[in-house]
Each structure stands twice: as structure tokens, then as C-alpha cells.
Amino acid sequence: MKSANRYGAGAIALHWIHAVIVLGLIGWGIWMADLPKGPERGWAFGIHKSFGLIAIALILVRIAWRAGHPPPLHTGLSALEEKLAKAGHRLLYVLLVLVPAAGFTSVSFTKYPLKFFGIPLPKPGYPDETLNAIFSETHEILAWTLLAVIVIHVAAAIRHGVRGDGTLRRMLPGAHQPEP
């Protein structure tokens, strides 16, 4: 249940499911980048693409959810902290759209099929090594940028937890806000 200063169960579930998938994708992407060409690399890329498609779907659901469920009011934040929080969340959302979009676009310009856990899907592009390289590099740069922003986001959450201002509890599953 959502209170005046806490996210609802839907937003919390979407946040944590998406966080696990995105962090898994980043870790998996780092690991698979150095694999030699062969069946293991193809399998690893297939898993990455499938979870990338899930990440695209989740960010679209999160954006739609957010449109219908505005975030709860912040309590105890300075005007500067409020502005930084809004800017940080907007940047996270932009990157959570752009990273998988660049990956999908890169895949669209490869000779390899696009599959979702083995199920073939149509690709809008055509084989073009130059465009694939451009979007692949863009995907990688944006993914590293996203990881940096996530580290800042987590550091800010920890800071709020240490301060005990209740901000961290707003998004923790099962956490209850202390009475004012």
C-alpha cells in the first residue's frame, strides 16, 4: 500500500525486478565481451539480447506506471537535494531507455537473427557492419554511463540510510516508515 511518503508495492516491485535485470545485463555484458567467437559466445549474446528485450519492456511499463502513479512526496530533503534527486531519476530513466534501444538497433544491423529465448523475432534493420559497429559502441558507452549513474544512485540511497531520513525506506520492500 502506498502512503503519502512511500512508493506503492507496484512501483517497488518494478524497481527491484528491473534493477536485478539491468545489473545482471551489465555484468553479463562485461563477461561476454571477452568470449572467443564460437557457440558459447553466441549463446551468451542470445541470453543478453533476450533479457535486454525484457529490460526494454520493463522500462516502458515503469514509465507508464510512473505516469499514472506520481512519486510520493519527499520529506526532509533540501531544495538542492530535491533537484538532484529529480535530475538523477530522469537521467536514470533516459539511460534505461537508450541503453537497450542502442543494443536493439545494433542487433538490427547484424547478420544474426534476433531471438527471444530461441523464438525468432523480426528485425527492422539489415546487415551493415558500419551501423552495427556504431550502435554497438554507443550501447557500450551508454551502459558504462548507466553503471556510473547507478553507483551514484546507490551511494545516495546509502547516504540517506545512514542519515536515517526515511528516504531509503520509501523503496525498500517490506520497510515501514517511522511515525513522524
Protein backbone atom coordinates (compact mmCIF):
# COMPACT_ATOMS: atom_id res chain seq x y z
CA MET A 1 0.00 0.00 0.00
CA LYS A 2 1.24 3.48 -0.88
CA SER A 3 1.34 6.17 1.77
CA ALA A 4 1.91 9.88 1.29
CA ASN A 5 5.68 9.43 1.54
CA ARG A 6 6.22 5.84 0.35
CA TYR A 7 6.15 4.18 -3.06
CA GLY A 8 3.41 1.63 -3.69
CA ALA A 9 4.01 -2.11 -3.96
CA GLY A 10 3.82 -2.00 -7.78
CA ALA A 11 6.50 0.67 -8.11
CA ILE A 12 8.71 -1.11 -5.57
CA ALA A 13 8.37 -4.46 -7.37
CA LEU A 14 9.07 -2.90 -10.78
CA HIS A 15 12.10 -1.03 -9.39
CA TRP A 16 13.75 -4.09 -7.84
CA ILE A 17 12.96 -6.53 -10.66
CA HIS A 18 14.31 -4.04 -13.18
CA ALA A 19 17.38 -3.31 -11.02
CA VAL A 20 18.29 -7.01 -10.82
CA ILE A 21 17.84 -7.47 -14.58
CA VAL A 22 19.80 -4.33 -15.51
CA LEU A 23 22.69 -5.11 -13.16
CA GLY A 24 22.69 -8.68 -14.45
CA LEU A 25 22.77 -7.43 -18.04
CA ILE A 26 25.69 -5.12 -17.31
CA GLY A 27 27.66 -7.86 -15.56
CA TRP A 28 26.79 -10.39 -18.27
CA GLY A 29 27.75 -7.89 -20.98
CA ILE A 30 31.16 -7.30 -19.40
CA TRP A 31 31.72 -11.06 -19.10
CA MET A 32 30.59 -11.98 -22.61
CA ALA A 33 32.54 -9.22 -24.37
CA ASP A 34 35.79 -11.16 -23.99
CA LEU A 35 34.47 -14.55 -25.02
CA PRO A 36 36.09 -16.00 -28.14
CA LYS A 37 33.90 -16.43 -31.20
CA GLY A 38 32.04 -19.68 -31.07
CA PRO A 39 28.93 -21.37 -29.69
CA GLU A 40 29.42 -20.14 -26.11
CA ARG A 41 29.66 -16.53 -27.26
CA GLY A 42 26.58 -16.93 -29.47
CA TRP A 43 24.67 -18.45 -26.55
CA ALA A 44 25.82 -15.64 -24.21
CA PHE A 45 24.75 -12.95 -26.68
CA GLY A 46 21.39 -14.69 -27.14
CA ILE A 47 20.75 -14.60 -23.37
CA HIS A 48 21.86 -10.95 -23.23
CA LYS A 49 19.53 -10.00 -26.10
CA SER A 50 16.58 -11.83 -24.52
CA PHE A 51 16.99 -10.14 -21.15
CA GLY A 52 17.64 -6.84 -22.97
CA LEU A 53 14.20 -7.16 -24.57
CA ILE A 54 12.74 -7.76 -21.11
CA ALA A 55 14.56 -4.63 -19.89
CA ILE A 56 13.04 -2.59 -22.74
CA ALA A 57 9.56 -3.85 -21.84
CA LEU A 58 10.11 -3.15 -18.14
CA ILE A 59 11.24 0.44 -18.65
CA LEU A 60 8.19 1.09 -20.83
CA VAL A 61 5.97 -0.40 -18.10
CA ARG A 62 7.77 1.70 -15.47
CA ILE A 63 7.29 4.88 -17.50
CA ALA A 64 3.58 4.11 -17.95
CA TRP A 65 3.27 3.23 -14.25
CA ARG A 66 5.03 6.44 -13.24
CA ALA A 67 2.67 8.50 -15.42
CA GLY A 68 -0.32 7.10 -13.55
CA HIS A 69 1.32 6.90 -10.13
CA PRO A 70 3.31 10.03 -9.30
CA PRO A 71 6.16 9.53 -6.84
CA PRO A 72 5.40 10.19 -3.18
CA LEU A 73 6.34 13.47 -1.58
CA HIS A 74 9.87 13.77 -0.24
CA THR A 75 10.21 14.69 3.38
CA GLY A 76 13.31 16.16 4.88
CA LEU A 77 15.14 16.93 1.63
CA SER A 78 16.63 20.33 0.94
CA ALA A 79 15.65 22.14 -2.26
CA LEU A 80 19.04 21.20 -3.75
CA GLU A 81 18.62 17.53 -2.79
CA GLU A 82 15.14 17.53 -4.32
CA LYS A 83 16.51 18.95 -7.60
CA LEU A 84 19.41 16.48 -7.64
CA ALA A 85 17.04 13.57 -6.96
CA LYS A 86 14.73 14.59 -9.82
CA ALA A 87 17.64 15.11 -12.22
CA GLY A 88 19.21 11.80 -11.21
CA HIS A 89 15.98 9.86 -11.68
CA ARG A 90 15.36 11.48 -15.06
CA LEU A 91 18.89 10.60 -16.17
CA LEU A 92 18.40 7.00 -14.98
CA TYR A 93 15.16 6.70 -16.94
CA VAL A 94 16.72 8.19 -20.09
CA LEU A 95 19.65 5.78 -19.89
CA LEU A 96 17.34 2.84 -19.12
CA VAL A 97 15.65 3.60 -22.46
CA LEU A 98 18.74 4.46 -24.51
CA VAL A 99 20.99 1.56 -23.48
CA PRO A 100 18.66 -1.24 -24.64
CA ALA A 101 17.48 0.86 -27.61
CA ALA A 102 21.09 1.18 -28.81
CA GLY A 103 21.62 -2.55 -28.24
CA PHE A 104 18.47 -3.42 -30.18
CA THR A 105 19.49 -1.08 -33.00
CA SER A 106 22.96 -2.64 -33.10
CA VAL A 107 21.45 -6.13 -33.34
CA SER A 108 19.16 -4.91 -36.12
CA PHE A 109 22.24 -4.30 -38.28
CA THR A 110 23.91 -7.70 -37.79
CA LYS A 111 23.65 -10.79 -39.95
CA TYR A 112 22.48 -12.75 -36.91
CA PRO A 113 18.81 -13.40 -36.15
CA LEU A 114 17.09 -11.73 -33.24
CA LYS A 115 15.61 -14.31 -30.91
CA PHE A 116 13.80 -14.10 -27.60
CA PHE A 117 14.93 -17.19 -25.70
CA GLY A 118 15.11 -19.08 -29.00
CA ILE A 119 11.92 -17.65 -30.55
CA PRO A 120 12.76 -15.76 -33.78
CA LEU A 121 11.64 -12.13 -33.90
CA PRO A 122 11.58 -9.73 -36.85
CA LYS A 123 14.42 -7.22 -37.12
CA PRO A 124 13.82 -3.77 -38.60
CA GLY A 125 17.38 -3.43 -39.94
CA TYR A 126 19.62 -5.16 -42.45
CA PRO A 127 23.22 -6.40 -42.27
CA ASP A 128 25.51 -3.35 -42.15
CA GLU A 129 28.82 -3.70 -40.31
CA THR A 130 29.39 0.05 -40.03
CA LEU A 131 25.99 0.78 -38.47
CA ASN A 132 26.31 -2.27 -36.23
CA ALA A 133 29.70 -1.03 -35.00
CA ILE A 134 28.39 2.49 -34.36
CA PHE A 135 25.38 1.32 -32.37
CA SER A 136 27.35 -1.39 -30.59
CA GLU A 137 29.89 1.19 -29.39
CA THR A 138 27.06 3.55 -28.43
CA HIS A 139 25.42 0.72 -26.47
CA GLU A 140 28.66 0.00 -24.61
CA ILE A 141 29.39 3.66 -23.78
CA LEU A 142 25.82 4.23 -22.58
CA ALA A 143 25.94 1.02 -20.50
CA TRP A 144 29.11 2.20 -18.71
CA THR A 145 27.47 5.59 -18.19
CA LEU A 146 24.39 3.87 -16.77
CA LEU A 147 26.58 1.85 -14.41
CA ALA A 148 28.23 5.06 -13.16
CA VAL A 149 24.83 6.68 -12.58
CA ILE A 150 23.62 3.54 -10.76
CA VAL A 151 26.67 3.70 -8.47
CA ILE A 152 25.82 7.33 -7.67
CA HIS A 153 22.17 6.36 -7.12
CA VAL A 154 23.14 3.57 -4.72
CA ALA A 155 25.61 5.84 -2.91
CA ALA A 156 22.87 8.45 -2.46
CA ALA A 157 20.48 5.78 -1.15
CA ILE A 158 23.12 4.59 1.33
CA ARG A 159 23.73 8.18 2.41
CA HIS A 160 20.02 8.59 3.11
CA GLY A 161 20.01 5.30 5.00
CA VAL A 162 22.93 6.42 7.16
CA ARG A 163 21.24 9.78 7.74
CA GLY A 164 18.09 7.95 8.75
CA ASP A 165 15.83 10.43 6.97
CA GLY A 166 13.43 7.74 5.69
CA THR A 167 14.25 8.25 2.00
CA LEU A 168 15.79 4.79 1.61
CA ARG A 169 12.81 3.08 3.26
CA ARG A 170 10.48 4.57 0.62
CA MET A 171 11.68 1.98 -1.92
CA LEU A 172 12.66 -0.99 0.25
CA PRO A 173 10.25 -3.93 0.08
CA GLY A 174 8.57 -4.52 3.42
CA ALA A 175 10.14 -1.49 5.11
CA HIS A 176 7.83 0.68 7.13
CA GLN A 177 8.16 4.39 7.62
CA PRO A 178 8.61 5.50 11.20
CA GLU A 179 5.80 7.56 12.64
CA PRO A 180 6.53 11.30 12.46
